[in-house]
PDB file of all heavy atoms in Angstrom:
ATOM      1  N   SER A   1       9.927 -19.663   8.499  1.00  0.00           N
ATOM      2  CA  SER A   1      10.379 -18.517   7.704  1.00  0.00           C
ATOM      3  C   SER A   1       9.286 -18.019   6.764  1.00  0.00           C
ATOM      4  O   SER A   1       9.345 -16.886   6.282  1.00  0.00           O
ATOM      5  CB  SER A   1      11.626 -18.890   6.901  1.00  0.00           C
ATOM      6  OG  SER A   1      11.324 -19.822   5.857  1.00  0.00           O
ATOM      7  N   ARG A   2       8.264 -18.849   6.490  1.00  0.00           N
ATOM      8  CA  ARG A   2       7.140 -18.425   5.652  1.00  0.00           C
ATOM      9  C   ARG A   2       6.426 -17.216   6.250  1.00  0.00           C
ATOM     10  O   ARG A   2       5.949 -16.349   5.520  1.00  0.00           O
ATOM     11  CB  ARG A   2       6.142 -19.573   5.486  1.00  0.00           C
ATOM     12  CG  ARG A   2       6.649 -20.744   4.661  1.00  0.00           C
ATOM     13  CD  ARG A   2       5.651 -21.887   4.689  1.00  0.00           C
ATOM     14  NE  ARG A   2       6.131 -23.040   3.936  1.00  0.00           N
ATOM     15  CZ  ARG A   2       5.835 -23.290   2.670  1.00  0.00           C
ATOM     16  NH1 ARG A   2       5.059 -22.450   2.011  1.00  0.00           N
ATOM     17  NH2 ARG A   2       6.305 -24.359   2.055  1.00  0.00           N
ATOM     18  N   PHE A   3       6.333 -17.193   7.573  1.00  0.00           N
ATOM     19  CA  PHE A   3       5.651 -16.062   8.215  1.00  0.00           C
ATOM     20  C   PHE A   3       6.417 -14.761   7.958  1.00  0.00           C
ATOM     21  O   PHE A   3       5.812 -13.724   7.682  1.00  0.00           O
ATOM     22  CB  PHE A   3       5.521 -16.319   9.717  1.00  0.00           C
ATOM     23  CG  PHE A   3       4.622 -17.474  10.055  1.00  0.00           C
ATOM     24  CD1 PHE A   3       5.139 -18.724  10.345  1.00  0.00           C
ATOM     25  CD2 PHE A   3       3.240 -17.314  10.069  1.00  0.00           C
ATOM     26  CE1 PHE A   3       4.309 -19.790  10.649  1.00  0.00           C
ATOM     27  CE2 PHE A   3       2.406 -18.371  10.360  1.00  0.00           C
ATOM     28  CZ  PHE A   3       2.934 -19.613  10.652  1.00  0.00           C
ATOM     29  N   TYR A   4       7.733 -14.847   8.051  1.00  0.00           N
ATOM     30  CA  TYR A   4       8.555 -13.650   7.822  1.00  0.00           C
ATOM     31  C   TYR A   4       8.469 -13.198   6.375  1.00  0.00           C
ATOM     32  O   TYR A   4       8.233 -12.009   6.094  1.00  0.00           O
ATOM     33  CB  TYR A   4      10.003 -13.932   8.209  1.00  0.00           C
ATOM     34  CG  TYR A   4      10.945 -12.814   7.819  1.00  0.00           C
ATOM     35  CD1 TYR A   4      10.983 -11.638   8.558  1.00  0.00           C
ATOM     36  CD2 TYR A   4      11.785 -12.939   6.707  1.00  0.00           C
ATOM     37  CE1 TYR A   4      11.837 -10.596   8.195  1.00  0.00           C
ATOM     38  CE2 TYR A   4      12.636 -11.907   6.338  1.00  0.00           C
ATOM     39  CZ  TYR A   4      12.656 -10.742   7.085  1.00  0.00           C
ATOM     40  OH  TYR A   4      13.487  -9.713   6.714  1.00  0.00           O
ATOM     41  N   THR A   5       8.660 -14.128   5.430  1.00  0.00           N
ATOM     42  CA  THR A   5       8.695 -13.737   4.021  1.00  0.00           C
ATOM     43  C   THR A   5       7.329 -13.248   3.526  1.00  0.00           C
ATOM     44  O   THR A   5       7.256 -12.316   2.723  1.00  0.00           O
ATOM     45  CB  THR A   5       9.168 -14.904   3.138  1.00  0.00           C
ATOM     46  OG1 THR A   5       8.336 -16.056   3.371  1.00  0.00           O
ATOM     47  CG2 THR A   5      10.619 -15.264   3.444  1.00  0.00           C
ATOM     48  N   THR A   6       6.239 -13.859   4.019  1.00  0.00           N
ATOM     49  CA  THR A   6       4.906 -13.429   3.592  1.00  0.00           C
ATOM     50  C   THR A   6       4.604 -12.029   4.105  1.00  0.00           C
ATOM     51  O   THR A   6       4.097 -11.176   3.363  1.00  0.00           O
ATOM     52  CB  THR A   6       3.831 -14.413   4.084  1.00  0.00           C
ATOM     53  OG1 THR A   6       4.159 -15.737   3.649  1.00  0.00           O
ATOM     54  CG2 THR A   6       2.461 -14.044   3.550  1.00  0.00           C
ATOM     55  N   ASN A   7       4.915 -11.771   5.372  1.00  0.00           N
ATOM     56  CA  ASN A   7       4.720 -10.431   5.919  1.00  0.00           C
ATOM     57  C   ASN A   7       5.635  -9.420   5.255  1.00  0.00           C
ATOM     58  O   ASN A   7       5.247  -8.274   5.033  1.00  0.00           O
ATOM     59  CB  ASN A   7       4.966 -10.441   7.433  1.00  0.00           C
ATOM     60  CG  ASN A   7       3.757 -10.911   8.224  1.00  0.00           C
ATOM     61  OD1 ASN A   7       2.847 -10.139   8.511  1.00  0.00           O
ATOM     62  ND2 ASN A   7       3.746 -12.194   8.577  1.00  0.00           N
ATOM     63  N   LEU A   8       6.857  -9.856   4.909  1.00  0.00           N
ATOM     64  CA  LEU A   8       7.794  -8.963   4.230  1.00  0.00           C
ATOM     65  C   LEU A   8       7.243  -8.546   2.871  1.00  0.00           C
ATOM     66  O   LEU A   8       7.267  -7.353   2.515  1.00  0.00           O
ATOM     67  CB  LEU A   8       9.149  -9.661   4.053  1.00  0.00           C
ATOM     68  CG  LEU A   8      10.238  -8.866   3.333  1.00  0.00           C
ATOM     69  CD1 LEU A   8      10.595  -7.614   4.124  1.00  0.00           C
ATOM     70  CD2 LEU A   8      11.474  -9.738   3.119  1.00  0.00           C
ATOM     71  N   GLY A   9       6.741  -9.503   2.104  1.00  0.00           N
ATOM     72  CA  GLY A   9       6.173  -9.190   0.798  1.00  0.00           C
ATOM     73  C   GLY A   9       4.985  -8.257   0.913  1.00  0.00           C
ATOM     74  O   GLY A   9       4.848  -7.307   0.131  1.00  0.00           O
ATOM     75  N   TYR A  10       4.134  -8.509   1.895  1.00  0.00           N
ATOM     76  CA  TYR A  10       2.948  -7.662   2.087  1.00  0.00           C
ATOM     77  C   TYR A  10       3.329  -6.239   2.479  1.00  0.00           C
ATOM     78  O   TYR A  10       2.775  -5.272   1.955  1.00  0.00           O
ATOM     79  CB  TYR A  10       2.053  -8.281   3.148  1.00  0.00           C
ATOM     80  CG  TYR A  10       0.854  -7.432   3.508  1.00  0.00           C
ATOM     81  CD1 TYR A  10      -0.211  -7.287   2.624  1.00  0.00           C
ATOM     82  CD2 TYR A  10       0.789  -6.778   4.736  1.00  0.00           C
ATOM     83  CE1 TYR A  10      -1.312  -6.507   2.952  1.00  0.00           C
ATOM     84  CE2 TYR A  10      -0.312  -6.001   5.078  1.00  0.00           C
ATOM     85  CZ  TYR A  10      -1.351  -5.861   4.184  1.00  0.00           C
ATOM     86  OH  TYR A  10      -2.442  -5.080   4.508  1.00  0.00           O
ATOM     87  N   ASN A  11       4.279  -6.109   3.396  1.00  0.00           N
ATOM     88  CA  ASN A  11       4.666  -4.781   3.879  1.00  0.00           C
ATOM     89  C   ASN A  11       5.466  -3.986   2.851  1.00  0.00           C
ATOM     90  O   ASN A  11       5.369  -2.758   2.779  1.00  0.00           O
ATOM     91  CB  ASN A  11       5.471  -4.908   5.175  1.00  0.00           C
ATOM     92  CG  ASN A  11       4.626  -5.415   6.327  1.00  0.00           C
ATOM     93  OD1 ASN A  11       3.443  -5.084   6.425  1.00  0.00           O
ATOM     94  ND2 ASN A  11       5.204  -6.229   7.191  1.00  0.00           N
ATOM     95  N   LEU A  12       6.264  -4.690   2.044  1.00  0.00           N
ATOM     96  CA  LEU A  12       7.036  -3.984   1.018  1.00  0.00           C
ATOM     97  C   LEU A  12       6.159  -3.558  -0.156  1.00  0.00           C
ATOM     98  O   LEU A  12       6.363  -2.488  -0.734  1.00  0.00           O
ATOM     99  CB  LEU A  12       8.166  -4.881   0.504  1.00  0.00           C
ATOM    100  CG  LEU A  12       9.360  -5.077   1.419  1.00  0.00           C
ATOM    101  CD1 LEU A  12      10.349  -6.037   0.777  1.00  0.00           C
ATOM    102  CD2 LEU A  12      10.057  -3.751   1.714  1.00  0.00           C
ATOM    103  N   GLY A  13       5.167  -4.411  -0.498  1.00  0.00           N
ATOM    104  CA  GLY A  13       4.312  -4.085  -1.628  1.00  0.00           C
ATOM    105  C   GLY A  13       5.120  -3.912  -2.895  1.00  0.00           C
ATOM    106  O   GLY A  13       6.093  -4.624  -3.147  1.00  0.00           O
ATOM    107  N   VAL A  14       4.760  -2.942  -3.700  1.00  0.00           N
ATOM    108  CA  VAL A  14       5.436  -2.728  -4.977  1.00  0.00           C
ATOM    109  C   VAL A  14       6.855  -2.216  -4.802  1.00  0.00           C
ATOM    110  O   VAL A  14       7.649  -2.233  -5.755  1.00  0.00           O
ATOM    111  CB  VAL A  14       4.640  -1.744  -5.861  1.00  0.00           C
ATOM    112  CG1 VAL A  14       3.333  -2.345  -6.272  1.00  0.00           C
ATOM    113  CG2 VAL A  14       4.414  -0.418  -5.138  1.00  0.00           C
ATOM    114  N   LYS A  15       7.225  -1.779  -3.598  1.00  0.00           N
ATOM    115  CA  LYS A  15       8.588  -1.301  -3.366  1.00  0.00           C
ATOM    116  C   LYS A  15       9.607  -2.428  -3.494  1.00  0.00           C
ATOM    117  O   LYS A  15      10.799  -2.179  -3.681  1.00  0.00           O
ATOM    118  CB  LYS A  15       8.696  -0.668  -1.975  1.00  0.00           C
ATOM    119  CG  LYS A  15       7.896   0.622  -1.811  1.00  0.00           C
ATOM    120  CD  LYS A  15       8.124   1.247  -0.450  1.00  0.00           C
ATOM    121  CE  LYS A  15       7.570   0.388   0.664  1.00  0.00           C
ATOM    122  NZ  LYS A  15       7.705   1.034   1.995  1.00  0.00           N
ATOM    123  N   ALA A  16       9.137  -3.688  -3.375  1.00  0.00           N
ATOM    124  CA  ALA A  16      10.055  -4.826  -3.437  1.00  0.00           C
ATOM    125  C   ALA A  16      10.468  -5.169  -4.857  1.00  0.00           C
ATOM    126  O   ALA A  16      11.467  -5.854  -5.071  1.00  0.00           O
ATOM    127  CB  ALA A  16       9.401  -6.049  -2.800  1.00  0.00           C
ATOM    128  N   ILE A  17       9.724  -4.711  -5.836  1.00  0.00           N
ATOM    129  CA  ILE A  17       9.943  -5.128  -7.224  1.00  0.00           C
ATOM    130  C   ILE A  17      11.345  -4.801  -7.736  1.00  0.00           C
ATOM    131  O   ILE A  17      12.048  -5.677  -8.234  1.00  0.00           O
ATOM    132  CB  ILE A  17       8.864  -4.525  -8.140  1.00  0.00           C
ATOM    133  CG1 ILE A  17       7.495  -5.062  -7.721  1.00  0.00           C
ATOM    134  CG2 ILE A  17       9.140  -4.849  -9.600  1.00  0.00           C
ATOM    135  CD1 ILE A  17       6.339  -4.303  -8.306  1.00  0.00           C
ATOM    136  N   PRO A  18      11.810  -3.545  -7.658  1.00  0.00           N
ATOM    137  CA  PRO A  18      13.160  -3.262  -8.162  1.00  0.00           C
ATOM    138  C   PRO A  18      14.252  -3.994  -7.390  1.00  0.00           C
ATOM    139  O   PRO A  18      15.288  -4.345  -7.953  1.00  0.00           O
ATOM    140  CB  PRO A  18      13.282  -1.742  -8.000  1.00  0.00           C
ATOM    141  CG  PRO A  18      12.260  -1.370  -6.985  1.00  0.00           C
ATOM    142  CD  PRO A  18      11.132  -2.329  -7.180  1.00  0.00           C
ATOM    143  N   ILE A  19      14.027  -4.254  -6.107  1.00  0.00           N
ATOM    144  CA  ILE A  19      15.019  -4.977  -5.294  1.00  0.00           C
ATOM    145  C   ILE A  19      15.166  -6.403  -5.799  1.00  0.00           C
ATOM    146  O   ILE A  19      16.280  -6.913  -5.976  1.00  0.00           O
ATOM    147  CB  ILE A  19      14.602  -4.980  -3.807  1.00  0.00           C
ATOM    148  CG1 ILE A  19      14.532  -3.544  -3.275  1.00  0.00           C
ATOM    149  CG2 ILE A  19      15.577  -5.807  -2.970  1.00  0.00           C
ATOM    150  CD1 ILE A  19      13.991  -3.458  -1.855  1.00  0.00           C
ATOM    151  N   ILE A  20      14.033  -7.066  -6.029  1.00  0.00           N
ATOM    152  CA  ILE A  20      14.061  -8.447  -6.504  1.00  0.00           C
ATOM    153  C   ILE A  20      14.742  -8.538  -7.858  1.00  0.00           C
ATOM    154  O   ILE A  20      15.606  -9.381  -8.096  1.00  0.00           O
ATOM    155  CB  ILE A  20      12.630  -9.006  -6.598  1.00  0.00           C
ATOM    156  CG1 ILE A  20      12.006  -9.086  -5.206  1.00  0.00           C
ATOM    157  CG2 ILE A  20      12.617 -10.393  -7.244  1.00  0.00           C
ATOM    158  CD1 ILE A  20      10.535  -9.450  -5.220  1.00  0.00           C
ATOM    159  N   LYS A  21      14.357  -7.653  -8.765  1.00  0.00           N
ATOM    160  CA  LYS A  21      14.909  -7.697 -10.109  1.00  0.00           C
ATOM    161  C   LYS A  21      16.408  -7.417 -10.117  1.00  0.00           C
ATOM    162  O   LYS A  21      17.166  -7.993 -10.888  1.00  0.00           O
ATOM    163  CB  LYS A  21      14.178  -6.694 -11.005  1.00  0.00           C
ATOM    164  CG  LYS A  21      12.760  -7.116 -11.357  1.00  0.00           C
ATOM    165  CD  LYS A  21      12.135  -6.164 -12.354  1.00  0.00           C
ATOM    166  CE  LYS A  21      10.767  -6.656 -12.796  1.00  0.00           C
ATOM    167  NZ  LYS A  21      10.140  -5.735 -13.778  1.00  0.00           N
ATOM    168  N   ALA A  22      16.857  -6.517  -9.235  1.00  0.00           N
ATOM    169  CA  ALA A  22      18.267  -6.125  -9.222  1.00  0.00           C
ATOM    170  C   ALA A  22      19.160  -7.184  -8.581  1.00  0.00           C
ATOM    171  O   ALA A  22      20.310  -7.368  -8.981  1.00  0.00           O
ATOM    172  CB  ALA A  22      18.436  -4.793  -8.487  1.00  0.00           C
ATOM    173  N   GLN A  23      18.643  -7.895  -7.573  1.00  0.00           N
ATOM    174  CA  GLN A  23      19.486  -8.798  -6.790  1.00  0.00           C
ATOM    175  C   GLN A  23      19.278 -10.272  -7.080  1.00  0.00           C
ATOM    176  O   GLN A  23      20.047 -11.105  -6.606  1.00  0.00           O
ATOM    177  CB  GLN A  23      19.244  -8.549  -5.285  1.00  0.00           C
ATOM    178  CG  GLN A  23      19.496  -7.133  -4.831  1.00  0.00           C
ATOM    179  CD  GLN A  23      20.931  -6.685  -5.070  1.00  0.00           C
ATOM    180  OE1 GLN A  23      21.872  -7.477  -4.944  1.00  0.00           O
ATOM    181  NE2 GLN A  23      21.122  -5.408  -5.401  1.00  0.00           N
ATOM    182  N   SER A  24      18.230 -10.636  -7.810  1.00  0.00           N
ATOM    183  CA  SER A  24      17.908 -12.049  -7.995  1.00  0.00           C
ATOM    184  C   SER A  24      19.051 -12.829  -8.637  1.00  0.00           C
ATOM    185  O   SER A  24      19.392 -13.929  -8.203  1.00  0.00           O
ATOM    186  CB  SER A  24      16.635 -12.198  -8.838  1.00  0.00           C
ATOM    187  OG  SER A  24      16.825 -11.650 -10.124  1.00  0.00           O
ATOM    188  N   GLU A  25      19.666 -12.277  -9.669  1.00  0.00           N
ATOM    189  CA  GLU A  25      20.741 -12.980 -10.366  1.00  0.00           C
ATOM    190  C   GLU A  25      21.967 -13.165  -9.467  1.00  0.00           C
ATOM    191  O   GLU A  25      22.567 -14.238  -9.434  1.00  0.00           O
ATOM    192  CB  GLU A  25      21.125 -12.214 -11.628  1.00  0.00           C
ATOM    193  CG  GLU A  25      22.168 -12.946 -12.473  1.00  0.00           C
ATOM    194  CD  GLU A  25      22.476 -12.235 -13.773  1.00  0.00           C
ATOM    195  OE1 GLU A  25      21.772 -11.252 -14.102  1.00  0.00           O
ATOM    196  OE2 GLU A  25      23.419 -12.664 -14.463  1.00  0.00           O
ATOM    197  N   LYS A  26      22.328 -12.112  -8.710  1.00  0.00           N
ATOM    198  CA  LYS A  26      23.493 -12.197  -7.829  1.00  0.00           C
ATOM    199  C   LYS A  26      23.274 -13.211  -6.713  1.00  0.00           C
ATOM    200  O   LYS A  26      24.143 -14.045  -6.427  1.00  0.00           O
ATOM    201  CB  LYS A  26      23.781 -10.812  -7.228  1.00  0.00           C
ATOM    202  CG  LYS A  26      24.210  -9.761  -8.233  1.00  0.00           C
ATOM    203  CD  LYS A  26      24.470  -8.433  -7.553  1.00  0.00           C
ATOM    204  CE  LYS A  26      24.866  -7.354  -8.568  1.00  0.00           C
ATOM    205  NZ  LYS A  26      25.071  -6.040  -7.910  1.00  0.00           N
ATOM    206  N   ILE A  27      22.115 -13.142  -6.072  1.00  0.00           N
ATOM    207  CA  ILE A  27      21.818 -14.065  -4.971  1.00  0.00           C
ATOM    208  C   ILE A  27      21.766 -15.503  -5.469  1.00  0.00           C
ATOM    209  O   ILE A  27      22.342 -16.410  -4.870  1.00  0.00           O
ATOM    210  CB  ILE A  27      20.475 -13.687  -4.308  1.00  0.00           C
ATOM    211  CG1 ILE A  27      20.569 -12.298  -3.665  1.00  0.00           C
ATOM    212  CG2 ILE A  27      20.082 -14.730  -3.253  1.00  0.00           C
ATOM    213  CD1 ILE A  27      19.251 -11.775  -3.131  1.00  0.00           C
ATOM    214  N   GLY A  28      21.090 -15.708  -6.585  1.00  0.00           N
ATOM    215  CA  GLY A  28      20.978 -17.052  -7.136  1.00  0.00           C
ATOM    216  C   GLY A  28      22.319 -17.635  -7.519  1.00  0.00           C
ATOM    217  O   GLY A  28      22.607 -18.795  -7.250  1.00  0.00           O
ATOM    218  N   LYS A  29      23.180 -16.823  -8.151  1.00  0.00           N
ATOM    219  CA  LYS A  29      24.486 -17.310  -8.586  1.00  0.00           C
ATOM    220  C   LYS A  29      25.371 -17.642  -7.396  1.00  0.00           C
ATOM    221  O   LYS A  29      26.044 -18.682  -7.382  1.00  0.00           O
ATOM    222  CB  LYS A  29      25.173 -16.258  -9.459  1.00  0.00           C
ATOM    223  CG  LYS A  29      26.498 -16.727 -10.027  1.00  0.00           C
ATOM    224  CD  LYS A  29      27.095 -15.692 -10.976  1.00  0.00           C
ATOM    225  CE  LYS A  29      28.404 -16.187 -11.571  1.00  0.00           C
ATOM    226  NZ  LYS A  29      28.994 -15.184 -12.504  1.00  0.00           N
ATOM    227  N   ALA A  30      25.377 -16.769  -6.375  1.00  0.00           N
ATOM    228  CA  ALA A  30      26.211 -17.011  -5.193  1.00  0.00           C
ATOM    229  C   ALA A  30      25.787 -18.281  -4.465  1.00  0.00           C
ATOM    230  O   ALA A  30      26.622 -19.106  -4.073  1.00  0.00           O
ATOM    231  CB  ALA A  30      26.123 -15.812  -4.244  1.00  0.00           C
ATOM    232  N   ALA A  31      24.471 -18.451  -4.302  1.00  0.00           N
ATOM    233  CA  ALA A  31      23.973 -19.643  -3.616  1.00  0.00           C
ATOM    234  C   ALA A  31      24.256 -20.904  -4.422  1.00  0.00           C
ATOM    235  O   ALA A  31      24.590 -21.950  -3.861  1.00  0.00           O
ATOM    236  CB  ALA A  31      22.472 -19.502  -3.365  1.00  0.00           C
ATOM    237  N   SER A  32      24.148 -20.806  -5.739  1.00  0.00           N
ATOM    238  CA  SER A  32      24.417 -21.964  -6.599  1.00  0.00           C
ATOM    239  C   SER A  32      25.877 -22.391  -6.521  1.00  0.00           C
ATOM    240  O   SER A  32      26.186 -23.579  -6.455  1.00  0.00           O
ATOM    241  CB  SER A  32      24.048 -21.640  -8.053  1.00  0.00           C
ATOM    242  OG  SER A  32      22.674 -21.400  -8.179  1.00  0.00           O
ATOM    243  N   VAL A  33      26.795 -21.416  -6.527  1.00  0.00           N
ATOM    244  CA  VAL A  33      28.220 -21.722  -6.434  1.00  0.00           C
ATOM    245  C   VAL A  33      28.530 -22.424  -5.123  1.00  0.00           C
ATOM    246  O   VAL A  33      29.256 -23.433  -5.081  1.00  0.00           O
ATOM    247  CB  VAL A  33      29.057 -20.434  -6.576  1.00  0.00           C
ATOM    248  CG1 VAL A  33      30.514 -20.710  -6.233  1.00  0.00           C
ATOM    249  CG2 VAL A  33      28.953 -19.878  -7.990  1.00  0.00           C
ATOM    250  N   LEU A  34      27.968 -21.905  -4.025  1.00  0.00           N
ATOM    251  CA  LEU A  34      28.190 -22.527  -2.720  1.00  0.00           C
ATOM    252  C   LEU A  34      27.621 -23.938  -2.691  1.00  0.00           C
ATOM    253  O   LEU A  34      28.265 -24.878  -2.207  1.00  0.00           O
ATOM    254  CB  LEU A  34      27.542 -21.677  -1.623  1.00  0.00           C
ATOM    255  CG  LEU A  34      27.622 -22.238  -0.201  1.00  0.00           C
ATOM    256  CD1 LEU A  34      29.077 -22.414   0.225  1.00  0.00           C
ATOM    257  CD2 LEU A  34      26.890 -21.315   0.766  1.00  0.00           C
TER     258      LEU A  34
END
């Protein structure tokens, strides 16, 4: 999965920043509860 995530980060560039900031808390909380 490192290959996918590394290429994803490279291809998204700065466009990924608002996505990470907006969803990090929700994703982290849901995964933690599970």
